N, C-alpha and C. Protein backbone atom coordinates (compact mmCIF):
# COMPACT_ATOMS: atom_id res chain seq x y z
N UNK A 1 137.93 124.40 193.27
CA UNK A 1 138.48 125.29 192.25
C UNK A 1 140.00 125.29 192.37
N UNK A 2 140.65 125.20 191.26
CA UNK A 2 142.11 125.15 191.23
C UNK A 2 142.68 126.53 191.57
N UNK A 3 143.74 126.54 192.40
CA UNK A 3 144.41 127.80 192.71
C UNK A 3 145.09 128.34 191.47
N UNK A 4 144.94 129.64 191.22
CA UNK A 4 145.55 130.26 190.05
C UNK A 4 147.00 130.63 190.29
N UNK A 5 147.36 130.89 191.52
CA UNK A 5 148.72 131.30 191.83
C UNK A 5 149.27 130.40 192.93
N UNK A 6 150.45 129.88 192.70
CA UNK A 6 151.09 129.06 193.72
C UNK A 6 152.20 129.88 194.37
N UNK A 7 152.71 129.37 195.47
CA UNK A 7 153.75 130.11 196.17
C UNK A 7 155.04 130.20 195.36
N UNK A 8 155.27 129.23 194.47
CA UNK A 8 156.49 129.26 193.67
C UNK A 8 156.31 130.05 192.37
N UNK A 9 155.14 130.60 192.16
CA UNK A 9 154.83 131.33 190.94
C UNK A 9 155.56 132.67 190.94
N UNK A 10 156.08 133.04 189.77
CA UNK A 10 156.78 134.32 189.67
C UNK A 10 155.85 135.38 189.10
N UNK A 11 156.20 136.60 189.33
CA UNK A 11 155.44 137.73 188.79
C UNK A 11 155.45 137.67 187.26
N UNK A 12 156.59 137.33 186.70
CA UNK A 12 156.72 137.28 185.24
C UNK A 12 155.80 136.19 184.68
N UNK A 13 155.73 135.03 185.33
CA UNK A 13 154.84 133.96 184.88
C UNK A 13 153.38 134.41 184.95
N UNK A 14 153.03 135.14 186.00
CA UNK A 14 151.67 135.66 186.12
C UNK A 14 151.35 136.64 184.99
N UNK A 15 152.31 137.49 184.66
CA UNK A 15 152.11 138.44 183.57
C UNK A 15 151.98 137.71 182.23
N UNK A 16 152.76 136.65 182.04
CA UNK A 16 152.66 135.86 180.81
C UNK A 16 151.26 135.25 180.68
N UNK A 17 150.74 134.71 181.78
CA UNK A 17 149.38 134.15 181.76
C UNK A 17 148.35 135.23 181.49
N UNK A 18 148.56 136.42 182.06
CA UNK A 18 147.62 137.51 181.82
C UNK A 18 147.59 137.90 180.35
N UNK A 19 148.77 138.00 179.74
CA UNK A 19 148.84 138.34 178.31
C UNK A 19 148.15 137.27 177.48
N UNK A 20 148.36 136.01 177.83
CA UNK A 20 147.71 134.93 177.10
C UNK A 20 146.19 135.02 177.23
N UNK A 21 145.72 135.32 178.43
CA UNK A 21 144.29 135.50 178.64
C UNK A 21 143.73 136.67 177.84
N UNK A 22 144.49 137.74 177.76
CA UNK A 22 144.08 138.90 176.97
C UNK A 22 143.95 138.52 175.50
N UNK A 23 144.93 137.77 174.98
CA UNK A 23 144.89 137.34 173.57
C UNK A 23 143.63 136.50 173.30
N UNK A 24 143.33 135.56 174.19
CA UNK A 24 142.16 134.71 174.00
C UNK A 24 140.87 135.51 174.09
N UNK A 25 140.80 136.42 175.05
CA UNK A 25 139.58 137.24 175.20
C UNK A 25 139.40 138.16 174.00
N UNK A 26 140.49 138.75 173.50
CA UNK A 26 140.40 139.61 172.32
C UNK A 26 139.89 138.83 171.12
N UNK A 27 140.36 137.61 170.98
CA UNK A 27 139.91 136.76 169.88
C UNK A 27 138.40 136.50 169.99
N UNK A 28 137.94 136.21 171.20
CA UNK A 28 136.51 135.99 171.43
C UNK A 28 135.70 137.25 171.15
N UNK A 29 136.23 138.39 171.58
CA UNK A 29 135.53 139.65 171.34
C UNK A 29 135.43 139.96 169.85
N UNK A 30 136.50 139.72 169.11
CA UNK A 30 136.47 139.97 167.67
C UNK A 30 135.43 139.08 166.99
N UNK A 31 135.35 137.82 167.41
CA UNK A 31 134.33 136.91 166.88
C UNK A 31 132.93 137.42 167.20
N UNK A 32 132.73 137.82 168.45
CA UNK A 32 131.41 138.30 168.87
C UNK A 32 131.02 139.57 168.12
N UNK A 33 131.98 140.48 167.93
CA UNK A 33 131.68 141.72 167.21
C UNK A 33 131.30 141.44 165.76
N UNK A 34 131.94 140.44 165.16
CA UNK A 34 131.64 140.11 163.76
C UNK A 34 130.22 139.56 163.61
N UNK A 35 129.72 138.89 164.65
CA UNK A 35 128.39 138.28 164.60
C UNK A 35 127.29 139.16 165.18
N UNK A 36 127.66 140.20 165.89
CA UNK A 36 126.70 141.01 166.64
C UNK A 36 125.93 141.97 165.73
N UNK A 37 124.63 142.05 165.97
CA UNK A 37 123.81 142.99 165.20
C UNK A 37 123.24 144.11 166.08
N UNK A 38 123.44 144.01 167.38
CA UNK A 38 122.97 145.03 168.32
C UNK A 38 124.06 146.09 168.50
N UNK A 39 123.73 147.32 168.14
CA UNK A 39 124.73 148.38 168.18
C UNK A 39 125.21 148.68 169.60
N UNK A 40 124.33 148.61 170.56
CA UNK A 40 124.70 148.85 171.96
C UNK A 40 125.70 147.79 172.44
N UNK A 41 125.42 146.55 172.12
CA UNK A 41 126.32 145.47 172.52
C UNK A 41 127.66 145.60 171.79
N UNK A 42 127.63 145.92 170.52
CA UNK A 42 128.86 146.10 169.75
C UNK A 42 129.72 147.19 170.38
N UNK A 43 129.09 148.26 170.82
CA UNK A 43 129.82 149.36 171.46
C UNK A 43 130.49 148.88 172.75
N UNK A 44 129.77 148.11 173.56
CA UNK A 44 130.37 147.58 174.79
C UNK A 44 131.51 146.63 174.50
N UNK A 45 131.35 145.79 173.48
CA UNK A 45 132.42 144.86 173.10
C UNK A 45 133.66 145.62 172.64
N UNK A 46 133.47 146.68 171.87
CA UNK A 46 134.60 147.48 171.39
C UNK A 46 135.31 148.16 172.55
N UNK A 47 134.55 148.64 173.53
CA UNK A 47 135.16 149.27 174.71
C UNK A 47 136.02 148.27 175.47
N UNK A 48 135.49 147.07 175.67
CA UNK A 48 136.27 146.04 176.37
C UNK A 48 137.51 145.68 175.57
N UNK A 49 137.36 145.54 174.26
CA UNK A 49 138.48 145.22 173.39
C UNK A 49 139.57 146.28 173.52
N UNK A 50 139.18 147.55 173.48
CA UNK A 50 140.16 148.64 173.60
C UNK A 50 140.84 148.65 174.96
N UNK A 51 140.10 148.35 176.02
CA UNK A 51 140.70 148.26 177.35
C UNK A 51 141.76 147.16 177.39
N UNK A 52 141.46 146.03 176.79
CA UNK A 52 142.40 144.92 176.76
C UNK A 52 143.65 145.25 175.95
N UNK A 53 143.46 145.93 174.83
CA UNK A 53 144.59 146.34 174.00
C UNK A 53 145.49 147.30 174.78
N UNK A 54 144.87 148.23 175.51
CA UNK A 54 145.64 149.17 176.33
C UNK A 54 146.40 148.44 177.44
N UNK A 55 145.76 147.47 178.05
CA UNK A 55 146.42 146.70 179.11
C UNK A 55 147.62 145.94 178.55
N UNK A 56 147.43 145.34 177.37
CA UNK A 56 148.52 144.61 176.73
C UNK A 56 149.69 145.55 176.43
N UNK A 57 149.39 146.77 175.99
CA UNK A 57 150.45 147.75 175.71
C UNK A 57 151.20 148.12 176.98
N UNK A 58 150.46 148.29 178.08
CA UNK A 58 151.11 148.61 179.36
C UNK A 58 152.00 147.45 179.83
N UNK A 59 151.53 146.23 179.62
CA UNK A 59 152.34 145.07 179.98
C UNK A 59 153.62 145.00 179.14
N UNK A 60 153.52 145.34 177.87
CA UNK A 60 154.70 145.36 177.01
C UNK A 60 155.69 146.43 177.48
N UNK A 61 155.18 147.61 177.83
CA UNK A 61 156.05 148.67 178.35
C UNK A 61 156.75 148.22 179.63
N UNK A 62 156.00 147.56 180.51
CA UNK A 62 156.56 147.07 181.76
C UNK A 62 157.65 146.03 181.50
N UNK A 63 157.38 145.12 180.57
CA UNK A 63 158.36 144.08 180.25
C UNK A 63 159.63 144.69 179.67
N UNK A 64 159.49 145.69 178.80
CA UNK A 64 160.66 146.34 178.22
C UNK A 64 161.44 147.11 179.28
N UNK A 65 160.73 147.71 180.23
CA UNK A 65 161.41 148.40 181.33
C UNK A 65 162.20 147.42 182.18
N UNK A 66 161.62 146.24 182.42
CA UNK A 66 162.33 145.20 183.18
C UNK A 66 163.59 144.76 182.43
N UNK A 67 163.48 144.67 181.11
CA UNK A 67 164.63 144.29 180.29
C UNK A 67 165.74 145.32 180.43
N UNK A 68 165.37 146.58 180.37
CA UNK A 68 166.36 147.66 180.45
C UNK A 68 167.03 147.72 181.82
N UNK A 69 166.28 147.36 182.87
CA UNK A 69 166.83 147.41 184.22
C UNK A 69 167.67 146.18 184.54
N UNK A 70 167.74 145.25 183.61
CA UNK A 70 168.59 144.08 183.81
C UNK A 70 168.06 143.10 184.82
N UNK A 71 166.77 142.83 184.77
CA UNK A 71 166.19 141.84 185.67
C UNK A 71 166.90 140.51 185.46
N UNK A 72 167.10 139.78 186.54
CA UNK A 72 167.91 138.57 186.54
C UNK A 72 167.43 137.51 185.54
N UNK A 73 166.16 137.28 185.46
CA UNK A 73 165.60 136.22 184.62
C UNK A 73 165.38 136.75 183.20
N UNK A 74 166.44 136.87 182.45
CA UNK A 74 166.40 137.48 181.11
C UNK A 74 165.55 136.68 180.12
N UNK A 75 165.59 135.37 180.22
CA UNK A 75 164.83 134.53 179.29
C UNK A 75 163.32 134.72 179.49
N UNK A 76 162.88 134.75 180.74
CA UNK A 76 161.46 134.95 181.03
C UNK A 76 160.99 136.33 180.57
N UNK A 77 161.82 137.34 180.79
CA UNK A 77 161.46 138.70 180.35
C UNK A 77 161.40 138.75 178.82
N UNK A 78 162.35 138.11 178.16
CA UNK A 78 162.34 138.09 176.69
C UNK A 78 161.08 137.39 176.18
N UNK A 79 160.66 136.32 176.86
CA UNK A 79 159.44 135.63 176.47
C UNK A 79 158.22 136.52 176.68
N UNK A 80 158.18 137.22 177.80
CA UNK A 80 157.06 138.14 178.07
C UNK A 80 156.99 139.23 177.00
N UNK A 81 158.12 139.80 176.64
CA UNK A 81 158.15 140.82 175.58
C UNK A 81 157.64 140.22 174.28
N UNK A 82 158.09 139.00 173.99
CA UNK A 82 157.69 138.36 172.73
C UNK A 82 156.19 138.11 172.67
N UNK A 83 155.61 137.57 173.74
CA UNK A 83 154.17 137.28 173.67
C UNK A 83 153.32 138.55 173.73
N UNK A 84 153.84 139.59 174.36
CA UNK A 84 153.14 140.88 174.36
C UNK A 84 153.16 141.51 172.96
N UNK A 85 154.17 141.18 172.18
CA UNK A 85 154.35 141.78 170.86
C UNK A 85 153.63 141.01 169.75
N UNK A 86 153.18 139.81 170.04
CA UNK A 86 152.52 139.01 169.01
C UNK A 86 151.25 139.72 168.52
N UNK A 87 151.02 139.65 167.21
CA UNK A 87 149.78 140.26 166.70
C UNK A 87 148.57 139.45 167.18
N UNK A 88 147.47 140.14 167.31
CA UNK A 88 146.24 139.47 167.72
C UNK A 88 145.69 138.65 166.57
N UNK A 89 145.14 137.49 166.87
CA UNK A 89 144.53 136.69 165.81
C UNK A 89 143.27 137.37 165.30
N UNK A 90 143.19 137.54 164.01
CA UNK A 90 142.02 138.22 163.44
C UNK A 90 141.30 137.29 162.48
């Protein structure tokens, strides 16, 4: 199994990958909810979707806080803010 984090990996890069994973999972959840006919399953999918949306919002808040504090790697922080702000594919 490939290592997900290397020693040279930055926290910001990890957060960028997390946001990307959230976007992909949200897209999958939206597809599944559109096809789902079981109300119990739909409810669970919606709960997971909402948890992911909340996590993405917290990541955006964190990225903006890093921007305000003047973190050294301004380009990476700007990229993190940008990908956190992208609308979800619907």
